[in-house]
Amino acid sequence: MKLPRRQFLHLAAGAAALPAVSRFAWAQAYPTRPVRLIVPAPAGGGYDIAARLISQFLSERVGTSFIVDNRPGAGGNVGTETVVHAPPDGYTLLLVAAANAINATLYEKLNFNFIRDIAPVAAILSVPNVMVVHPSVSARTVLEFIAYAKANPGKLNMASAGNGTTSHLAGELFKMMAGVDMMHVPYRGGGPAVTDLIGGQVQVFFPPTPPSIEHIRSGKLRALAVTSARRSQALPDIATVSDFVPGYEASQWYGIGAPKGTPVEIIDMLNKEINAGLADPKMKARLADFGGTPLVGLPADFGKLIAEETEKWAKVVKFAGIKPI
């Protein structure tokens, strides 16, 4: 039977709309089962704390469990690749961090392209590192330290939590912008680096703020500056490196990503809920205790941050000739 043209077009349009309608309805019902948040780092560190804060809030607000799943290895690439290859259905998410932006250049051969294969969902927070020295170092300001380092080229040992870590890159950026020469001493994690700094085996370190505050307050370490563009609420009396080295900024940051192809309705829903969490007074207080500043914005804003940080750290990795170990 031949259908009239108008009826045929009406039916064709309806059929074409079915996938979009069903997809929208499916996204509207999300989530109907637990969601995994892959953390590409061991439990207990900054990654893990940020992930558990936001997952607890989402679980309570959405009414479905958001489960933290630690997948460390290869500088965060193991966990990241797990999410890259996961179904794009919103049930496997990634705790994104500055390491992802660094790794894009640090590792010459990856089985994925982070910017292409991970869809930005929402930024969570930014946490400054802090420039700390052993008390035996005479410098009490960044300018005094720069003068001291230039007077003793190659004689200062700069610790890091490992090759290519944020503490390493923060130090290399400082060397590049301040024009100083220091010997890099990589450790297997921030804990051993702090231990040797307190013991005087190394003289300077650029670790994340939270695990350093206790040692700063006790006088075991001296804080010269924080690495963020603005002063830290956790260390309000400490200057910023940029007060002395204009344009310097090196913060750890965290956010949520999803596999490429995840429905935009799911991404927008998660973005809305995460932003609601960042605006919640209790959450803001907990982030402040963590030394962090909430990063509220749209998925596109987070995507811009990732792209800018990837470009920025690529220059430092290439300038310093950093290779993964």
C-alpha atoms as a PDB file:
ATOM      1  CA  MET A   1       0.000   0.000   0.000  1.00  0.00           C
ATOM      2  CA  LYS A   2       1.361   3.386  -0.969  1.00  0.00           C
ATOM      3  CA  LEU A   3       1.179   6.010   1.800  1.00  0.00           C
ATOM      4  CA  PRO A   4       0.312   9.642   1.096  1.00  0.00           C
ATOM      5  CA  ARG A   5       3.464  11.823   1.028  1.00  0.00           C
ATOM      6  CA  ARG A   6       2.500  13.827   4.176  1.00  0.00           C
ATOM      7  CA  GLN A   7       1.789  10.656   6.198  1.00  0.00           C
ATOM      8  CA  PHE A   8       5.018   9.054   4.992  1.00  0.00           C
ATOM      9  CA  LEU A   9       7.120  12.074   6.029  1.00  0.00           C
ATOM     10  CA  HIS A  10       5.393  12.194   9.417  1.00  0.00           C
ATOM     11  CA  LEU A  11       6.160   8.521  10.086  1.00  0.00           C
ATOM     12  CA  ALA A  12       9.759   8.884   8.866  1.00  0.00           C
ATOM     13  CA  ALA A  13      10.371  11.854  11.156  1.00  0.00           C
ATOM     14  CA  GLY A  14       8.907   9.939  14.080  1.00  0.00           C
ATOM     15  CA  ALA A  15      11.127   6.951  13.406  1.00  0.00           C
ATOM     16  CA  ALA A  16      14.223   9.118  13.152  1.00  0.00           C
ATOM     17  CA  ALA A  17      13.409  10.724  16.480  1.00  0.00           C
ATOM     18  CA  LEU A  18      13.048   7.414  18.345  1.00  0.00           C
ATOM     19  CA  PRO A  19      16.764   6.855  19.093  1.00  0.00           C
ATOM     20  CA  ALA A  20      17.155  10.396  20.448  1.00  0.00           C
ATOM     21  CA  VAL A  21      14.012  10.136  22.561  1.00  0.00           C
ATOM     22  CA  SER A  22      14.937   6.736  24.008  1.00  0.00           C
ATOM     23  CA  ARG A  23      18.500   7.917  24.667  1.00  0.00           C
ATOM     24  CA  PHE A  24      17.190  11.017  26.464  1.00  0.00           C
ATOM     25  CA  ALA A  25      14.768   8.924  28.530  1.00  0.00           C
ATOM     26  CA  TRP A  26      17.580   6.523  29.416  1.00  0.00           C
ATOM     27  CA  ALA A  27      19.834   9.409  30.466  1.00  0.00           C
ATOM     28  CA  GLN A  28      17.003  10.895  32.511  1.00  0.00           C
ATOM     29  CA  ALA A  29      16.787   7.665  34.530  1.00  0.00           C
ATOM     30  CA  TYR A  30      20.552   7.597  35.191  1.00  0.00           C
ATOM     31  CA  PRO A  31      21.915   6.251  37.480  1.00  0.00           C
ATOM     32  CA  THR A  32      20.028   3.045  38.156  1.00  0.00           C
ATOM     33  CA  ARG A  33      23.019   1.117  39.564  1.00  0.00           C
ATOM     34  CA  PRO A  34      26.308   1.906  41.351  1.00  0.00           C
ATOM     35  CA  VAL A  35      28.817   4.147  39.567  1.00  0.00           C
ATOM     36  CA  ARG A  36      32.566   3.418  39.710  1.00  0.00           C
ATOM     37  CA  LEU A  37      34.943   6.346  40.166  1.00  0.00           C
ATOM     38  CA  ILE A  38      38.376   5.147  39.069  1.00  0.00           C
ATOM     39  CA  VAL A  39      41.215   6.772  41.020  1.00  0.00           C
ATOM     40  CA  PRO A  40      44.529   6.215  39.172  1.00  0.00           C
ATOM     41  CA  ALA A  41      46.550   6.356  42.390  1.00  0.00           C
ATOM     42  CA  PRO A  42      46.912   4.425  45.664  1.00  0.00           C
ATOM     43  CA  ALA A  43      44.522   4.979  48.557  1.00  0.00           C
ATOM     44  CA  GLY A  44      45.314   7.646  51.117  1.00  0.00           C
ATOM     45  CA  GLY A  45      46.814  10.409  48.952  1.00  0.00           C
ATOM     46  CA  GLY A  46      45.387  13.625  47.558  1.00  0.00           C
ATOM     47  CA  TYR A  47      43.666  11.856  44.664  1.00  0.00           C
ATOM     48  CA  ASP A  48      41.927   9.491  47.036  1.00  0.00           C
ATOM     49  CA  ILE A  49      40.802  12.201  49.470  1.00  0.00           C
ATOM     50  CA  ALA A  50      39.299  14.321  46.678  1.00  0.00           C
ATOM     51  CA  ALA A  51      37.570  11.286  45.168  1.00  0.00           C
ATOM     52  CA  ARG A  52      36.036  10.154  48.458  1.00  0.00           C
ATOM     53  CA  LEU A  53      34.769  13.634  49.299  1.00  0.00           C
ATOM     54  CA  ILE A  54      32.915  14.059  46.014  1.00  0.00           C
ATOM     55  CA  SER A  55      31.747  10.417  45.779  1.00  0.00           C
ATOM     56  CA  GLN A  56      30.225  10.567  49.259  1.00  0.00           C
ATOM     57  CA  PHE A  57      28.351  13.755  48.372  1.00  0.00           C
ATOM     58  CA  LEU A  58      27.089  12.334  45.060  1.00  0.00           C
ATOM     59  CA  SER A  59      25.978   9.092  46.721  1.00  0.00           C
ATOM     60  CA  GLU A  60      23.924  11.013  49.282  1.00  0.00           C
ATOM     61  CA  ARG A  61      22.498  13.524  46.818  1.00  0.00           C
ATOM     62  CA  VAL A  62      21.718  11.191  43.907  1.00  0.00           C
ATOM     63  CA  GLY A  63      20.678   8.195  46.005  1.00  0.00           C
ATOM     64  CA  THR A  64      22.942   5.738  44.178  1.00  0.00           C
ATOM     65  CA  SER A  65      26.373   4.567  45.342  1.00  0.00           C
ATOM     66  CA  PHE A  66      29.442   6.178  43.779  1.00  0.00           C
ATOM     67  CA  ILE A  67      32.213   3.709  44.577  1.00  0.00           C
ATOM     68  CA  VAL A  68      35.889   4.696  44.657  1.00  0.00           C
ATOM     69  CA  ASP A  69      38.043   2.151  42.812  1.00  0.00           C
ATOM     70  CA  ASN A  70      41.816   2.698  43.177  1.00  0.00           C
ATOM     71  CA  ARG A  71      43.786   1.627  40.079  1.00  0.00           C
ATOM     72  CA  PRO A  72      47.385   2.880  40.520  1.00  0.00           C
ATOM     73  CA  GLY A  73      50.237   2.234  38.128  1.00  0.00           C
ATOM     74  CA  ALA A  74      52.413   3.868  35.435  1.00  0.00           C
ATOM     75  CA  GLY A  75      52.018   7.353  36.845  1.00  0.00           C
ATOM     76  CA  GLY A  76      48.232   7.177  36.649  1.00  0.00           C
ATOM     77  CA  ASN A  77      48.038   5.775  33.120  1.00  0.00           C
ATOM     78  CA  VAL A  78      46.723   2.346  34.171  1.00  0.00           C
ATOM     79  CA  GLY A  79      43.604   3.758  35.789  1.00  0.00           C
ATOM     80  CA  THR A  80      43.119   6.304  33.014  1.00  0.00           C
ATOM     81  CA  GLU A  81      43.256   3.648  30.311  1.00  0.00           C
ATOM     82  CA  THR A  82      40.681   1.590  32.224  1.00  0.00           C
ATOM     83  CA  VAL A  83      38.205   4.458  31.835  1.00  0.00           C
ATOM     84  CA  VAL A  84      39.171   5.172  28.214  1.00  0.00           C
ATOM     85  CA  HIS A  85      38.104   1.633  27.286  1.00  0.00           C
ATOM     86  CA  ALA A  86      35.008   1.514  29.518  1.00  0.00           C
ATOM     87  CA  PRO A  87      31.488   1.705  28.028  1.00  0.00           C
ATOM     88  CA  PRO A  88      30.453   5.370  27.627  1.00  0.00           C
ATOM     89  CA  ASP A  89      27.340   4.946  29.748  1.00  0.00           C
ATOM     90  CA  GLY A  90      28.183   7.062  32.800  1.00  0.00           C
ATOM     91  CA  TYR A  91      28.848   4.091  35.085  1.00  0.00           C
ATOM     92  CA  THR A  92      32.654   4.367  34.934  1.00  0.00           C
ATOM     93  CA  LEU A  93      34.181   7.760  35.702  1.00  0.00           C
ATOM     94  CA  LEU A  94      37.752   8.984  36.170  1.00  0.00           C
ATOM     95  CA  LEU A  95      39.255  11.136  38.907  1.00  0.00           C
ATOM     96  CA  VAL A  96      41.250  13.467  36.651  1.00  0.00           C
ATOM     97  CA  ALA A  97      44.304  15.324  37.969  1.00  0.00           C
ATOM     98  CA  ALA A  98      47.208  17.481  36.840  1.00  0.00           C
ATOM     99  CA  ALA A  99      49.213  14.286  36.242  1.00  0.00           C
ATOM    100  CA  ASN A 100      47.019  13.551  33.226  1.00  0.00           C
ATOM    101  CA  ALA A 101      48.082  16.858  31.653  1.00  0.00           C
ATOM    102  CA  ILE A 102      51.749  16.136  32.445  1.00  0.00           C
ATOM    103  CA  ASN A 103      51.654  12.537  31.175  1.00  0.00           C
ATOM    104  CA  ALA A 104      50.486  13.623  27.729  1.00  0.00           C
ATOM    105  CA  THR A 105      54.060  14.795  27.034  1.00  0.00           C
ATOM    106  CA  LEU A 106      56.032  12.841  29.633  1.00  0.00           C
ATOM    107  CA  TYR A 107      55.125   9.479  28.062  1.00  0.00           C
ATOM    108  CA  GLU A 108      55.986   9.272  24.374  1.00  0.00           C
ATOM    109  CA  LYS A 109      53.823   6.238  23.682  1.00  0.00           C
ATOM    110  CA  LEU A 110      50.417   5.955  25.343  1.00  0.00           C
ATOM    111  CA  ASN A 111      47.558   3.750  24.197  1.00  0.00           C
ATOM    112  CA  PHE A 112      45.231   6.738  24.324  1.00  0.00           C
ATOM    113  CA  ASN A 113      45.067  10.476  23.752  1.00  0.00           C
ATOM    114  CA  PHE A 114      43.723  11.987  26.954  1.00  0.00           C
ATOM    115  CA  ILE A 115      42.148  15.121  25.479  1.00  0.00           C
ATOM    116  CA  ARG A 116      40.549  13.113  22.680  1.00  0.00           C
ATOM    117  CA  ASP A 117      39.442  10.050  24.643  1.00  0.00           C
ATOM    118  CA  ILE A 118      38.209  11.486  27.970  1.00  0.00           C
ATOM    119  CA  ALA A 119      35.222  13.825  28.100  1.00  0.00           C
ATOM    120  CA  PRO A 120      35.505  16.541  30.789  1.00  0.00           C
ATOM    121  CA  VAL A 121      32.605  16.471  33.256  1.00  0.00           C
ATOM    122  CA  ALA A 122      33.493  18.925  36.027  1.00  0.00           C
ATOM    123  CA  ALA A 123      36.465  20.374  37.876  1.00  0.00           C
ATOM    124  CA  ILE A 124      36.410  19.832  41.643  1.00  0.00           C
ATOM    125  CA  LEU A 125      39.188  21.772  43.326  1.00  0.00           C
ATOM    126  CA  SER A 126      42.643  23.257  43.077  1.00  0.00           C
ATOM    127  CA  VAL A 127      45.287  22.637  45.759  1.00  0.00           C
ATOM    128  CA  PRO A 128      48.548  24.597  45.877  1.00  0.00           C
ATOM    129  CA  ASN A 129      51.927  23.051  46.432  1.00  0.00           C
ATOM    130  CA  VAL A 130      54.260  24.784  48.863  1.00  0.00           C
ATOM    131  CA  MET A 131      57.940  25.618  48.527  1.00  0.00           C
ATOM    132  CA  VAL A 132      59.598  24.348  51.706  1.00  0.00           C
ATOM    133  CA  VAL A 133      63.244  24.323  52.752  1.00  0.00           C
ATOM    134  CA  HIS A 134      65.279  22.737  55.514  1.00  0.00           C
ATOM    135  CA  PRO A 135      65.859  25.193  58.405  1.00  0.00           C
ATOM    136  CA  SER A 136      69.603  25.122  57.688  1.00  0.00           C
ATOM    137  CA  VAL A 137      68.966  27.046  54.466  1.00  0.00           C
ATOM    138  CA  SER A 138      69.543  30.708  55.331  1.00  0.00           C
ATOM    139  CA  ALA A 139      66.937  32.066  52.889  1.00  0.00           C
ATOM    140  CA  ARG A 140      63.663  33.256  54.394  1.00  0.00           C
ATOM    141  CA  THR A 141      62.076  34.601  51.223  1.00  0.00           C
ATOM    142  CA  VAL A 142      61.934  33.411  47.624  1.00  0.00           C
ATOM    143  CA  LEU A 143      64.209  36.260  46.505  1.00  0.00           C
ATOM    144  CA  GLU A 144      66.785  35.321  49.140  1.00  0.00           C
ATOM    145  CA  PHE A 145      66.556  31.693  48.032  1.00  0.00           C
ATOM    146  CA  ILE A 146      67.110  32.633  44.382  1.00  0.00           C
ATOM    147  CA  ALA A 147      70.169  34.682  45.342  1.00  0.00           C
ATOM    148  CA  TYR A 148      71.454  31.782  47.486  1.00  0.00           C
ATOM    149  CA  ALA A 149      70.902  29.255  44.670  1.00  0.00           C
ATOM    150  CA  LYS A 150      72.654  31.466  42.104  1.00  0.00           C
ATOM    151  CA  ALA A 151      75.605  31.874  44.457  1.00  0.00           C
ATOM    152  CA  ASN A 152      75.777  28.072  44.845  1.00  0.00           C
ATOM    153  CA  PRO A 153      74.896  26.647  41.397  1.00  0.00           C
ATOM    154  CA  GLY A 154      74.256  22.895  41.393  1.00  0.00           C
ATOM    155  CA  LYS A 155      74.930  22.565  45.127  1.00  0.00           C
ATOM    156  CA  LEU A 156      71.308  22.587  46.288  1.00  0.00           C
ATOM    157  CA  ASN A 157      69.403  19.305  46.192  1.00  0.00           C
ATOM    158  CA  MET A 158      65.754  19.573  45.149  1.00  0.00           C
ATOM    159  CA  ALA A 159      63.587  16.638  46.227  1.00  0.00           C
ATOM    160  CA  SER A 160      60.509  15.383  44.391  1.00  0.00           C
ATOM    161  CA  ALA A 161      57.972  12.614  44.879  1.00  0.00           C
ATOM    162  CA  GLY A 162      59.263  11.057  41.654  1.00  0.00           C
ATOM    163  CA  ASN A 163      60.076  11.882  38.038  1.00  0.00           C
ATOM    164  CA  GLY A 164      57.201  13.679  36.347  1.00  0.00           C
ATOM    165  CA  THR A 165      55.164  14.235  39.511  1.00  0.00           C
ATOM    166  CA  THR A 166      53.575  17.597  40.251  1.00  0.00           C
ATOM    167  CA  SER A 167      56.203  18.311  42.911  1.00  0.00           C
ATOM    168  CA  HIS A 168      58.926  17.663  40.336  1.00  0.00           C
ATOM    169  CA  LEU A 169      57.304  19.823  37.659  1.00  0.00           C
ATOM    170  CA  ALA A 170      56.659  22.639  40.150  1.00  0.00           C
ATOM    171  CA  GLY A 171      60.370  22.630  40.967  1.00  0.00           C
ATOM    172  CA  GLU A 172      61.460  22.473  37.329  1.00  0.00           C
ATOM    173  CA  LEU A 173      59.121  25.361  36.471  1.00  0.00           C
ATOM    174  CA  PHE A 174      60.729  27.346  39.286  1.00  0.00           C
ATOM    175  CA  LYS A 175      64.219  26.539  37.996  1.00  0.00           C
ATOM    176  CA  MET A 176      63.198  27.557  34.486  1.00  0.00           C
ATOM    177  CA  MET A 177      61.539  30.841  35.440  1.00  0.00           C
ATOM    178  CA  ALA A 178      63.958  31.884  38.200  1.00  0.00           C
ATOM    179  CA  GLY A 179      67.063  30.877  36.274  1.00  0.00           C
ATOM    180  CA  VAL A 180      68.576  28.733  39.023  1.00  0.00           C
ATOM    181  CA  ASP A 181      70.463  25.439  38.893  1.00  0.00           C
ATOM    182  CA  MET A 182      69.544  22.750  41.431  1.00  0.00           C
ATOM    183  CA  MET A 183      70.158  19.006  41.496  1.00  0.00           C
ATOM    184  CA  HIS A 184      66.931  16.999  41.207  1.00  0.00           C
ATOM    185  CA  VAL A 185      66.648  14.062  43.631  1.00  0.00           C
ATOM    186  CA  PRO A 186      63.577  11.901  42.871  1.00  0.00           C
ATOM    187  CA  TYR A 187      62.025   9.720  45.591  1.00  0.00           C
ATOM    188  CA  ARG A 188      59.417   6.974  45.524  1.00  0.00           C
ATOM    189  CA  GLY A 189      56.659   9.143  46.910  1.00  0.00           C
ATOM    190  CA  GLY A 190      56.292  12.306  48.946  1.00  0.00           C
ATOM    191  CA  GLY A 191      56.737  10.619  52.343  1.00  0.00           C
ATOM    192  CA  PRO A 192      60.378   9.582  51.857  1.00  0.00           C
ATOM    193  CA  ALA A 193      61.148  12.972  50.286  1.00  0.00           C
ATOM    194  CA  VAL A 194      59.800  14.827  53.330  1.00  0.00           C
ATOM    195  CA  THR A 195      61.735  12.519  55.665  1.00  0.00           C
ATOM    196  CA  ASP A 196      65.019  13.311  53.924  1.00  0.00           C
ATOM    197  CA  LEU A 197      64.197  17.025  53.760  1.00  0.00           C
ATOM    198  CA  ILE A 198      63.621  17.084  57.523  1.00  0.00           C
ATOM    199  CA  GLY A 199      66.869  15.158  57.933  1.00  0.00           C
ATOM    200  CA  GLY A 200      68.774  17.669  55.811  1.00  0.00           C
ATOM    201  CA  GLN A 201      69.781  15.280  53.006  1.00  0.00           C
ATOM    202  CA  VAL A 202      67.979  17.580  50.546  1.00  0.00           C
ATOM    203  CA  GLN A 203      67.379  21.311  50.895  1.00  0.00           C
ATOM    204  CA  VAL A 204      64.179  22.190  49.030  1.00  0.00           C
ATOM    205  CA  PHE A 205      60.918  20.479  48.028  1.00  0.00           C
ATOM    206  CA  PHE A 206      57.656  21.572  46.343  1.00  0.00           C
ATOM    207  CA  PRO A 207      55.117  19.125  47.880  1.00  0.00           C
ATOM    208  CA  PRO A 208      51.318  19.447  48.070  1.00  0.00           C
ATOM    209  CA  THR A 209      50.167  21.678  50.917  1.00  0.00           C
ATOM    210  CA  PRO A 210      48.058  19.269  53.069  1.00  0.00           C
ATOM    211  CA  PRO A 211      50.754  16.772  54.165  1.00  0.00           C
ATOM    212  CA  SER A 212      53.268  19.585  54.699  1.00  0.00           C
ATOM    213  CA  ILE A 213      51.323  21.861  57.054  1.00  0.00           C
ATOM    214  CA  GLU A 214      52.091  19.902  60.242  1.00  0.00           C
ATOM    215  CA  HIS A 215      55.847  20.034  59.572  1.00  0.00           C
ATOM    216  CA  ILE A 216      55.684  23.740  58.745  1.00  0.00           C
ATOM    217  CA  ARG A 217      53.781  24.561  61.933  1.00  0.00           C
ATOM    218  CA  SER A 218      56.152  22.493  64.055  1.00  0.00           C
ATOM    219  CA  GLY A 219      59.173  24.314  62.622  1.00  0.00           C
ATOM    220  CA  LYS A 220      60.726  21.190  61.112  1.00  0.00           C
ATOM    221  CA  LEU A 221      60.384  22.826  57.687  1.00  0.00           C
ATOM    222  CA  ARG A 222      60.302  26.463  56.605  1.00  0.00           C
ATOM    223  CA  ALA A 223      57.689  27.527  54.042  1.00  0.00           C
ATOM    224  CA  LEU A 224      58.928  30.209  51.676  1.00  0.00           C
ATOM    225  CA  ALA A 225      55.855  30.425  49.436  1.00  0.00           C
ATOM    226  CA  VAL A 226      52.846  28.620  48.027  1.00  0.00           C
ATOM    227  CA  THR A 227      52.801  27.825  44.328  1.00  0.00           C
ATOM    228  CA  SER A 228      49.266  28.997  43.537  1.00  0.00           C
ATOM    229  CA  ALA A 229      48.474  32.395  42.017  1.00  0.00           C
ATOM    230  CA  ARG A 230      46.719  33.409  45.258  1.00  0.00           C
ATOM    231  CA  ARG A 231      47.542  32.793  48.894  1.00  0.00           C
ATOM    232  CA  SER A 232      46.266  29.597  50.481  1.00  0.00           C
ATOM    233  CA  GLN A 233      43.550  29.672  53.137  1.00  0.00           C
ATOM    234  CA  ALA A 234      45.483  26.920  54.905  1.00  0.00           C
ATOM    235  CA  LEU A 235      48.654  29.084  55.041  1.00  0.00           C
ATOM    236  CA  PRO A 236      47.343  32.659  54.838  1.00  0.00           C
ATOM    237  CA  ASP A 237      50.576  34.262  56.085  1.00  0.00           C
ATOM    238  CA  ILE A 238      52.729  32.636  53.413  1.00  0.00           C
ATOM    239  CA  ALA A 239      53.447  34.587  50.215  1.00  0.00           C
ATOM    240  CA  THR A 240      53.082  33.175  46.708  1.00  0.00           C
ATOM    241  CA  VAL A 241      56.017  32.343  44.449  1.00  0.00           C
ATOM    242  CA  SER A 242      54.473  34.679  41.867  1.00  0.00           C
ATOM    243  CA  ASP A 243      54.979  37.594  44.283  1.00  0.00           C
ATOM    244  CA  PHE A 244      58.677  37.223  43.444  1.00  0.00           C
ATOM    245  CA  VAL A 245      58.629  35.324  40.116  1.00  0.00           C
ATOM    246  CA  PRO A 246      55.837  36.968  38.069  1.00  0.00           C
ATOM    247  CA  GLY A 247      53.629  34.516  36.194  1.00  0.00           C
ATOM    248  CA  TYR A 248      54.654  31.452  38.196  1.00  0.00           C
ATOM    249  CA  GLU A 249      51.793  29.072  39.061  1.00  0.00           C
ATOM    250  CA  ALA A 250      51.832  25.339  39.733  1.00  0.00           C
ATOM    251  CA  SER A 251      48.830  23.824  41.469  1.00  0.00           C
ATOM    252  CA  GLN A 252      47.488  20.324  41.825  1.00  0.00           C
ATOM    253  CA  TRP A 253      43.912  20.101  40.610  1.00  0.00           C
ATOM    254  CA  TYR A 254      41.243  17.443  40.440  1.00  0.00           C
ATOM    255  CA  GLY A 255      38.093  16.855  38.448  1.00  0.00           C
ATOM    256  CA  ILE A 256      35.850  14.201  36.953  1.00  0.00           C
ATOM    257  CA  GLY A 257      36.061  12.777  33.439  1.00  0.00           C
ATOM    258  CA  ALA A 258      34.110  10.151  31.494  1.00  0.00           C
ATOM    259  CA  PRO A 259      34.783   7.987  28.427  1.00  0.00           C
ATOM    260  CA  LYS A 260      34.401   9.797  25.115  1.00  0.00           C
ATOM    261  CA  GLY A 261      30.866   9.352  23.779  1.00  0.00           C
ATOM    262  CA  THR A 262      29.134   9.493  27.154  1.00  0.00           C
ATOM    263  CA  PRO A 263      25.703  11.092  26.572  1.00  0.00           C
ATOM    264  CA  VAL A 264      25.760  14.836  27.074  1.00  0.00           C
ATOM    265  CA  GLU A 265      22.638  14.547  29.251  1.00  0.00           C
ATOM    266  CA  ILE A 266      24.577  12.405  31.742  1.00  0.00           C
ATOM    267  CA  ILE A 267      27.590  14.714  31.683  1.00  0.00           C
ATOM    268  CA  ASP A 268      25.386  17.756  32.273  1.00  0.00           C
ATOM    269  CA  MET A 269      23.544  16.019  35.123  1.00  0.00           C
ATOM    270  CA  LEU A 270      26.822  15.058  36.838  1.00  0.00           C
ATOM    271  CA  ASN A 271      28.215  18.539  36.315  1.00  0.00           C
ATOM    272  CA  LYS A 272      25.152  20.083  37.938  1.00  0.00           C
ATOM    273  CA  GLU A 273      25.316  17.768  40.954  1.00  0.00           C
ATOM    274  CA  ILE A 274      29.069  18.216  41.446  1.00  0.00           C
ATOM    275  CA  ASN A 275      28.701  22.009  41.312  1.00  0.00           C
ATOM    276  CA  ALA A 276      25.916  21.737  43.898  1.00  0.00           C
ATOM    277  CA  GLY A 277      28.335  19.834  46.127  1.00  0.00           C
ATOM    278  CA  LEU A 278      31.037  22.472  45.716  1.00  0.00           C
ATOM    279  CA  ALA A 279      28.545  25.142  46.782  1.00  0.00           C
ATOM    280  CA  ASP A 280      27.452  23.189  49.865  1.00  0.00           C
ATOM    281  CA  PRO A 281      28.817  24.866  53.066  1.00  0.00           C
ATOM    282  CA  LYS A 282      29.870  21.558  54.621  1.00  0.00           C
ATOM    283  CA  MET A 283      31.702  20.492  51.486  1.00  0.00           C
ATOM    284  CA  LYS A 284      33.387  23.896  51.174  1.00  0.00           C
ATOM    285  CA  ALA A 285      34.585  23.626  54.785  1.00  0.00           C
ATOM    286  CA  ARG A 286      36.032  20.169  54.172  1.00  0.00           C
ATOM    287  CA  LEU A 287      37.776  21.350  51.019  1.00  0.00           C
ATOM    288  CA  ALA A 288      39.220  24.289  52.957  1.00  0.00           C
ATOM    289  CA  ASP A 289      40.616  21.841  55.535  1.00  0.00           C
ATOM    290  CA  PHE A 290      42.189  20.012  52.627  1.00  0.00           C
ATOM    291  CA  GLY A 291      43.792  23.299  51.567  1.00  0.00           C
ATOM    292  CA  GLY A 292      41.723  23.404  48.399  1.00  0.00           C
ATOM    293  CA  THR A 293      39.754  26.001  46.460  1.00  0.00           C
ATOM    294  CA  PRO A 294      36.533  24.802  44.733  1.00  0.00           C
ATOM    295  CA  LEU A 295      36.529  25.026  40.928  1.00  0.00           C
ATOM    296  CA  VAL A 296      32.930  25.567  39.841  1.00  0.00           C
ATOM    297  CA  GLY A 297      32.187  25.578  36.117  1.00  0.00           C
ATOM    298  CA  LEU A 298      30.778  23.891  33.039  1.00  0.00           C
ATOM    299  CA  PRO A 299      32.315  20.849  31.319  1.00  0.00           C
ATOM    300  CA  ALA A 300      33.760  23.209  28.706  1.00  0.00           C
ATOM    301  CA  ASP A 301      35.521  25.187  31.442  1.00  0.00           C
ATOM    302  CA  PHE A 302      37.164  22.032  32.738  1.00  0.00           C
ATOM    303  CA  GLY A 303      38.128  21.057  29.190  1.00  0.00           C
ATOM    304  CA  LYS A 304      39.811  24.436  28.746  1.00  0.00           C
ATOM    305  CA  LEU A 305      41.763  23.975  31.991  1.00  0.00           C
ATOM    306  CA  ILE A 306      42.972  20.536  30.879  1.00  0.00           C
ATOM    307  CA  ALA A 307      44.075  21.874  27.472  1.00  0.00           C
ATOM    308  CA  GLU A 308      45.902  24.856  28.981  1.00  0.00           C
ATOM    309  CA  GLU A 309      47.664  22.722  31.597  1.00  0.00           C
ATOM    310  CA  THR A 310      48.668  20.143  28.978  1.00  0.00           C
ATOM    311  CA  GLU A 311      50.291  22.868  26.872  1.00  0.00           C
ATOM    312  CA  LYS A 312      51.956  24.498  29.891  1.00  0.00           C
ATOM    313  CA  TRP A 313      53.533  21.327  31.289  1.00  0.00           C
ATOM    314  CA  ALA A 314      54.614  20.158  27.832  1.00  0.00           C
ATOM    315  CA  LYS A 315      56.980  23.146  27.706  1.00  0.00           C
ATOM    316  CA  VAL A 316      58.450  22.307  31.138  1.00  0.00           C
ATOM    317  CA  VAL A 317      58.869  18.586  30.361  1.00  0.00           C
ATOM    318  CA  LYS A 318      60.677  19.411  27.119  1.00  0.00           C
ATOM    319  CA  PHE A 319      62.795  22.205  28.654  1.00  0.00           C
ATOM    320  CA  ALA A 320      63.992  19.981  31.506  1.00  0.00           C
ATOM    321  CA  GLY A 321      64.284  16.864  29.351  1.00  0.00           C
ATOM    322  CA  ILE A 322      62.212  14.856  31.835  1.00  0.00           C
ATOM    323  CA  LYS A 323      61.748  11.141  31.159  1.00  0.00           C
ATOM    324  CA  PRO A 324      59.658   8.632  33.131  1.00  0.00           C
ATOM    325  CA  ILE A 325      61.613   6.086  35.150  1.00  0.00           C
END
